[in-house]
Amino acid sequence: MSATASNFNSTAATATPVARPQARGEPIHVPNATLEPLWVRTLLMTVALLFLALFLVVPLLSVFAEAFKKGWEAYLAAIIEPDAISAIKLTLLTAAIAVPLNLVFGVAAAWTIAKFEFRGKNILLTLIDLPFSVSPVISGLIYVLLFGAQGWFGPWLREHDIKILFAVPGIVLATVFVTFPFVARELIPLMQAQGSEEEEAALVLGASGWKTFRHVTLPNIKWGLLYGVILCNARAMGEFGAVSVVSGHIRGETNTIPLQVEILYNEYNFQAAFAVASLLAFLALLTLALKSFIEWRLRETVLPHNVGNQTGQEQA
């Protein structure tokens, strides 16, 4: 009996101690591996800043410098030129159609994947990621194969006088294809992290499915949803490859802003090309600002939610 107690005491003495929770106000422990010398940290930050300045800041500034090189009058003349106005309108129309469609699909796909278990779930996730791995030019060629004059549906479309390629419908379809993962991919991990306990509680209390979505699910995912919509909209307005294949480059009819920039540049009208390109650059800066704000809101929303769930589990 004494030998057993002695063995137990020696085992307890050599056991790995349990990590003590950090007390409020106690300094955060920093691992030794992250305490690099000052010159190493300075070197890494300098390299990173030089890389950003060379490949991001300088090209961006050069766009605005070339756009305003001949003054405000030349800049405004390039922006209000009829072909440029047509390209701007078509770009806004395409985004106005593609983004809501991707919003509906993204919410439905994220809800299905995060809240249910079913066969083929991994296949659905793979298909959602497909536009990330396929070149936009290839996606445009797919629509040429389907709706072109010699395509699968080409003869039927020609008989019924329906025009898909070299028209707005083809541009919208190509844009929807290359942008539909953005909303879904932002919502899926967010909804998986939040779990389904709140929705189940609402259903138990008698709420309908639609009411549960509006009052429980939507408030929890609103910032992630907005984040995905902003990225989707930025990609829709800036898409070039897929739209270039299906548009036909009809000036004043099927040219979006990126295609209009290409035409102006190929015609050696550099100032007008950079003026129109500055619109996309401004959109990128606006998107970056909104993205940073929404990331901050996501951290403020998701982290307290996760801490609350962890505290509840520990108390349970």
Protein backbone atom coordinates (compact mmCIF):
# COMPACT_ATOMS: atom_id res chain seq x y z
CA MET A 1 0.00 0.00 0.00
CA SER A 2 2.82 2.40 0.87
CA ALA A 3 4.67 1.51 -2.36
CA THR A 4 1.56 2.33 -4.39
CA ALA A 5 1.15 5.68 -2.64
CA SER A 6 4.84 6.43 -3.18
CA ASN A 7 4.57 5.66 -6.90
CA PHE A 8 1.46 7.85 -7.17
CA ASN A 9 3.20 10.76 -5.43
CA SER A 10 6.28 10.50 -7.66
CA THR A 11 4.10 10.34 -10.79
CA ALA A 12 2.11 13.40 -9.70
CA ALA A 13 5.31 15.30 -8.99
CA THR A 14 6.73 14.63 -12.45
CA ALA A 15 3.46 15.22 -14.34
CA THR A 16 3.22 18.16 -16.70
CA PRO A 17 1.56 21.07 -14.89
CA VAL A 18 -1.76 22.34 -16.23
CA ALA A 19 -1.56 25.75 -17.91
CA ARG A 20 -2.84 28.47 -15.58
CA PRO A 21 -5.35 30.89 -17.09
CA GLN A 22 -3.93 34.34 -17.63
CA ALA A 23 -5.10 36.81 -15.02
CA ARG A 24 -6.46 40.23 -15.92
CA GLY A 25 -3.67 42.77 -16.18
CA GLU A 26 -0.96 40.10 -16.33
CA PRO A 27 1.58 40.75 -19.15
CA ILE A 28 1.18 38.56 -22.21
CA HIS A 29 3.85 35.88 -22.55
CA VAL A 30 5.74 36.21 -25.84
CA PRO A 31 7.51 33.05 -27.09
CA ASN A 32 11.28 33.37 -27.42
CA ALA A 33 11.07 32.47 -31.10
CA THR A 34 9.36 35.80 -31.86
CA LEU A 35 11.92 37.93 -30.00
CA GLU A 36 14.19 38.61 -32.95
CA PRO A 37 16.99 41.16 -32.79
CA LEU A 38 16.15 44.73 -33.74
CA TRP A 39 18.18 44.62 -36.95
CA VAL A 40 16.30 41.53 -38.16
CA ARG A 41 12.91 43.14 -37.58
CA THR A 42 14.06 46.37 -39.21
CA LEU A 43 15.39 44.49 -42.23
CA LEU A 44 12.17 42.52 -42.71
CA MET A 45 9.98 45.61 -42.41
CA THR A 46 12.21 47.54 -44.82
CA VAL A 47 12.05 44.76 -47.43
CA ALA A 48 8.27 44.53 -47.09
CA LEU A 49 7.78 48.29 -47.40
CA LEU A 50 10.12 48.54 -50.39
CA PHE A 51 8.29 45.69 -52.12
CA LEU A 52 4.91 47.37 -51.54
CA ALA A 53 6.22 50.73 -52.71
CA LEU A 54 7.76 49.28 -55.87
CA PHE A 55 4.95 46.99 -56.97
CA LEU A 56 1.86 48.71 -55.52
CA VAL A 57 2.24 52.37 -54.58
CA VAL A 58 4.37 53.52 -57.54
CA PRO A 59 2.13 51.94 -60.25
CA LEU A 60 -0.97 53.31 -58.54
CA LEU A 61 0.44 56.82 -58.34
CA SER A 62 1.59 56.63 -61.94
CA VAL A 63 -1.99 55.91 -63.06
CA PHE A 64 -3.30 59.10 -61.47
CA ALA A 65 -0.25 61.09 -62.61
CA GLU A 66 -0.77 60.10 -66.25
CA ALA A 67 -4.54 60.61 -65.97
CA PHE A 68 -4.10 64.26 -64.87
CA LYS A 69 -0.99 64.92 -66.95
CA LYS A 70 -2.83 67.28 -69.33
CA GLY A 71 -5.01 68.86 -66.68
CA TRP A 72 -8.58 68.59 -65.46
CA GLU A 73 -10.15 69.56 -68.77
CA ALA A 74 -8.49 66.72 -70.68
CA TYR A 75 -9.33 64.33 -67.84
CA LEU A 76 -13.02 65.23 -67.82
CA ALA A 77 -13.14 65.14 -71.63
CA ALA A 78 -11.85 61.54 -71.57
CA ILE A 79 -14.36 60.53 -68.90
CA ILE A 80 -17.46 62.06 -70.55
CA GLU A 81 -16.57 60.82 -74.04
CA PRO A 82 -19.58 58.83 -75.41
CA ASP A 83 -17.74 55.49 -75.65
CA ALA A 84 -16.41 55.91 -72.11
CA ILE A 85 -19.87 56.74 -70.79
CA SER A 86 -21.25 53.65 -72.54
CA ALA A 87 -18.50 51.50 -70.99
CA ILE A 88 -19.22 52.90 -67.53
CA LYS A 89 -22.96 52.25 -67.90
CA LEU A 90 -22.40 48.69 -69.11
CA THR A 91 -19.98 47.99 -66.25
CA LEU A 92 -22.47 49.28 -63.67
CA LEU A 93 -25.32 47.32 -65.29
CA THR A 94 -23.30 44.11 -65.30
CA ALA A 95 -22.35 44.52 -61.64
CA ALA A 96 -25.94 45.43 -60.72
CA ILE A 97 -27.12 42.10 -62.16
CA ALA A 98 -24.23 39.81 -61.20
CA VAL A 99 -23.75 40.90 -57.58
CA PRO A 100 -27.37 40.30 -56.40
CA LEU A 101 -27.39 36.90 -58.13
CA ASN A 102 -24.15 35.94 -56.39
CA LEU A 103 -25.50 37.27 -53.09
CA VAL A 104 -28.52 34.96 -53.26
CA PHE A 105 -26.41 32.00 -54.34
CA GLY A 106 -23.73 32.69 -51.73
CA VAL A 107 -26.19 32.85 -48.84
CA ALA A 108 -27.99 29.71 -50.00
CA ALA A 109 -24.76 27.77 -50.52
CA ALA A 110 -23.26 28.88 -47.20
CA TRP A 111 -26.48 28.03 -45.32
CA THR A 112 -26.61 24.59 -46.94
CA ILE A 113 -22.95 23.74 -46.30
CA ALA A 114 -22.69 25.19 -42.78
CA LYS A 115 -26.01 24.01 -41.36
CA PHE A 116 -26.57 20.59 -42.96
CA GLU A 117 -24.71 17.33 -43.49
CA PHE A 118 -25.37 15.56 -46.79
CA ARG A 119 -23.68 13.44 -49.42
CA GLY A 120 -21.75 15.41 -52.02
CA LYS A 121 -20.92 18.25 -49.65
CA ASN A 122 -17.23 18.20 -50.59
CA ILE A 123 -18.16 18.13 -54.27
CA LEU A 124 -20.25 21.27 -53.81
CA LEU A 125 -17.33 22.99 -52.06
CA THR A 126 -15.04 22.01 -54.93
CA LEU A 127 -17.44 23.39 -57.52
CA ILE A 128 -17.70 26.69 -55.63
CA ASP A 129 -13.90 27.01 -55.80
CA LEU A 130 -13.81 26.15 -59.51
CA PRO A 131 -13.62 29.77 -60.81
CA PHE A 132 -10.57 30.33 -58.61
CA SER A 133 -8.66 27.57 -60.40
CA VAL A 134 -9.92 28.11 -63.96
CA SER A 135 -8.54 30.92 -66.08
CA PRO A 136 -11.16 33.61 -66.86
CA VAL A 137 -10.33 33.23 -70.54
CA ILE A 138 -11.24 29.54 -70.34
CA SER A 139 -14.56 30.39 -68.69
CA GLY A 140 -15.29 32.79 -71.55
CA LEU A 141 -14.47 30.08 -74.09
CA ILE A 142 -16.91 27.77 -72.31
CA TYR A 143 -19.75 30.19 -73.13
CA VAL A 144 -18.51 30.44 -76.72
CA LEU A 145 -18.71 26.66 -76.92
CA LEU A 146 -22.24 26.69 -75.52
CA PHE A 147 -23.81 29.75 -77.18
CA GLY A 148 -21.61 30.46 -80.19
CA ALA A 149 -22.82 30.13 -83.78
CA GLN A 150 -21.29 26.62 -83.95
CA GLY A 151 -21.93 25.84 -80.28
CA TRP A 152 -24.33 23.42 -78.69
CA PHE A 153 -27.21 25.89 -78.43
CA GLY A 154 -26.10 28.19 -81.28
CA PRO A 155 -28.53 26.96 -83.98
CA TRP A 156 -31.52 27.04 -81.61
CA LEU A 157 -30.65 30.56 -80.42
CA ARG A 158 -30.27 31.75 -84.01
CA GLU A 159 -33.66 30.29 -84.99
CA HIS A 160 -35.37 32.11 -82.09
CA ASP A 161 -33.39 35.34 -82.62
CA ILE A 162 -31.84 35.21 -79.15
CA LYS A 163 -28.42 36.79 -78.81
CA ILE A 164 -26.18 35.72 -75.94
CA LEU A 165 -22.63 36.25 -77.17
CA PHE A 166 -21.44 39.72 -78.18
CA ALA A 167 -24.29 41.17 -76.14
CA VAL A 168 -25.12 42.05 -72.56
CA PRO A 169 -26.39 38.55 -71.55
CA GLY A 170 -23.04 36.94 -72.42
CA ILE A 171 -21.13 39.59 -70.46
CA VAL A 172 -23.37 39.07 -67.44
CA LEU A 173 -23.04 35.28 -67.60
CA ALA A 174 -19.25 35.45 -67.81
CA THR A 175 -19.12 37.91 -64.91
CA VAL A 176 -21.41 35.80 -62.75
CA PHE A 177 -19.22 32.74 -63.35
CA VAL A 178 -15.95 34.37 -62.29
CA THR A 179 -17.45 36.13 -59.25
CA PHE A 180 -19.87 33.68 -57.66
CA PRO A 181 -17.39 32.15 -55.13
CA PHE A 182 -16.72 35.43 -53.30
CA VAL A 183 -19.88 35.72 -51.20
CA ALA A 184 -20.13 32.00 -50.49
CA ARG A 185 -16.48 31.67 -49.50
CA GLU A 186 -16.76 34.56 -47.03
CA LEU A 187 -19.91 33.22 -45.37
CA ILE A 188 -19.12 29.49 -45.15
CA PRO A 189 -16.32 29.66 -42.51
CA LEU A 190 -18.17 32.40 -40.62
CA MET A 191 -21.40 30.40 -40.37
CA GLN A 192 -19.50 27.22 -39.50
CA ALA A 193 -17.71 29.01 -36.64
CA GLN A 194 -20.97 30.40 -35.27
CA GLY A 195 -22.67 26.99 -35.25
CA SER A 196 -26.41 26.38 -35.37
CA GLU A 197 -27.37 26.58 -31.68
CA GLU A 198 -29.10 29.95 -31.97
CA GLU A 199 -31.14 28.89 -35.02
CA GLU A 200 -32.16 25.67 -33.28
CA ALA A 201 -33.25 27.62 -30.20
CA ALA A 202 -35.34 29.97 -32.35
CA LEU A 203 -37.03 27.04 -34.10
CA VAL A 204 -37.77 25.38 -30.76
CA LEU A 205 -39.43 28.60 -29.58
CA GLY A 206 -41.74 28.50 -32.60
CA ALA A 207 -40.09 30.84 -35.09
CA SER A 208 -40.47 30.03 -38.77
CA GLY A 209 -37.49 29.37 -41.00
CA TRP A 210 -37.67 32.76 -42.72
CA LYS A 211 -38.12 34.59 -39.40
CA THR A 212 -35.17 32.70 -37.93
CA PHE A 213 -33.02 33.75 -40.86
CA ARG A 214 -34.03 37.42 -40.66
CA HIS A 215 -33.76 37.84 -36.90
CA VAL A 216 -31.01 35.35 -35.95
CA THR A 217 -28.81 34.33 -38.87
CA LEU A 218 -28.70 37.56 -40.87
CA PRO A 219 -27.61 39.81 -37.97
CA ASN A 220 -24.75 37.40 -37.21
CA ILE A 221 -23.45 37.30 -40.80
CA LYS A 222 -24.24 40.84 -41.99
CA TRP A 223 -20.63 42.08 -41.90
CA GLY A 224 -19.27 38.96 -43.57
CA LEU A 225 -22.02 39.23 -46.17
CA LEU A 226 -21.17 42.85 -46.88
CA TYR A 227 -17.48 41.95 -47.10
CA GLY A 228 -18.20 39.30 -49.74
CA VAL A 229 -20.48 41.64 -51.69
CA ILE A 230 -17.79 44.33 -51.83
CA LEU A 231 -15.17 41.89 -53.13
CA CYS A 232 -17.66 40.47 -55.62
CA ASN A 233 -18.54 43.93 -56.89
CA ALA A 234 -14.90 44.94 -57.28
CA ARG A 235 -14.13 41.80 -59.29
CA ALA A 236 -17.26 42.22 -61.41
CA MET A 237 -16.30 45.77 -62.40
CA GLY A 238 -12.66 44.91 -63.04
CA GLU A 239 -13.08 41.59 -64.88
CA PHE A 240 -11.25 41.52 -68.20
CA GLY A 241 -10.43 38.01 -69.46
CA ALA A 242 -13.83 36.34 -69.54
CA VAL A 243 -15.64 39.49 -70.68
CA SER A 244 -13.09 40.07 -73.43
CA VAL A 245 -13.86 36.67 -74.96
CA VAL A 246 -17.66 37.00 -75.00
CA SER A 247 -18.07 40.74 -75.64
CA GLY A 248 -16.90 40.99 -79.24
CA HIS A 249 -15.28 44.38 -78.48
CA ILE A 250 -18.11 46.32 -80.11
CA ARG A 251 -17.21 49.91 -79.36
CA GLY A 252 -19.95 51.82 -77.58
CA GLU A 253 -22.05 48.66 -77.09
CA THR A 254 -20.23 45.73 -75.46
CA ASN A 255 -17.10 47.33 -74.03
CA THR A 256 -16.79 47.52 -70.26
CA ILE A 257 -14.33 49.86 -68.53
CA PRO A 258 -11.34 47.44 -68.70
CA LEU A 259 -11.98 46.78 -72.39
CA GLN A 260 -12.30 50.51 -73.07
CA VAL A 261 -8.93 51.07 -71.40
CA GLU A 262 -7.36 48.44 -73.66
CA ILE A 263 -8.79 50.00 -76.81
CA LEU A 264 -7.62 53.50 -75.88
CA TYR A 265 -4.15 52.25 -75.00
CA ASN A 266 -3.84 50.30 -78.28
CA GLU A 267 -4.78 53.49 -80.13
CA TYR A 268 -1.92 55.33 -78.33
CA ASN A 269 -4.41 57.58 -76.56
CA PHE A 270 -2.52 57.14 -73.32
CA GLN A 271 -3.96 60.07 -71.38
CA ALA A 272 -7.56 58.96 -72.03
CA ALA A 273 -6.64 55.33 -71.24
CA PHE A 274 -5.18 56.30 -67.87
CA ALA A 275 -8.10 58.63 -67.17
CA VAL A 276 -10.60 55.80 -67.60
CA ALA A 277 -8.28 53.43 -65.71
CA SER A 278 -8.21 55.87 -62.80
CA LEU A 279 -11.90 55.09 -62.25
CA LEU A 280 -11.01 51.46 -61.57
CA ALA A 281 -8.06 52.56 -59.40
CA PHE A 282 -10.38 54.75 -57.35
CA LEU A 283 -12.77 51.81 -57.02
CA ALA A 284 -9.87 49.67 -55.75
CA LEU A 285 -8.97 52.25 -53.10
CA LEU A 286 -12.59 52.56 -52.02
CA THR A 287 -12.89 48.79 -51.84
CA LEU A 288 -9.72 48.60 -49.74
CA ALA A 289 -11.07 51.18 -47.28
CA LEU A 290 -14.42 49.40 -46.95
CA LYS A 291 -12.62 46.06 -46.66
CA SER A 292 -10.49 47.33 -43.77
CA PHE A 293 -13.54 48.73 -41.98
CA ILE A 294 -15.51 45.50 -42.38
CA GLU A 295 -12.56 43.39 -41.22
CA TRP A 296 -12.46 45.52 -38.07
CA ARG A 297 -16.20 45.04 -37.57
CA LEU A 298 -15.83 41.29 -38.13
CA ARG A 299 -13.17 41.10 -35.42
CA GLU A 300 -15.40 43.06 -33.06
CA THR A 301 -18.37 40.79 -33.84
CA VAL A 302 -16.90 37.31 -34.22
CA LEU A 303 -14.34 37.34 -31.40
CA PRO A 304 -16.81 38.24 -28.60
CA HIS A 305 -19.17 35.60 -29.98
CA ASN A 306 -16.44 32.92 -29.88
CA VAL A 307 -15.30 34.01 -26.39
CA GLY A 308 -18.89 33.79 -25.15
CA ASN A 309 -19.29 30.30 -26.58
CA GLN A 310 -16.00 29.17 -25.02
CA THR A 311 -16.97 30.60 -21.64
CA GLY A 312 -20.32 28.87 -21.78
CA GLN A 313 -18.66 25.55 -22.62
CA GLU A 314 -16.19 25.94 -19.73
CA GLN A 315 -19.01 26.72 -17.31
CA ALA A 316 -20.96 23.72 -18.58
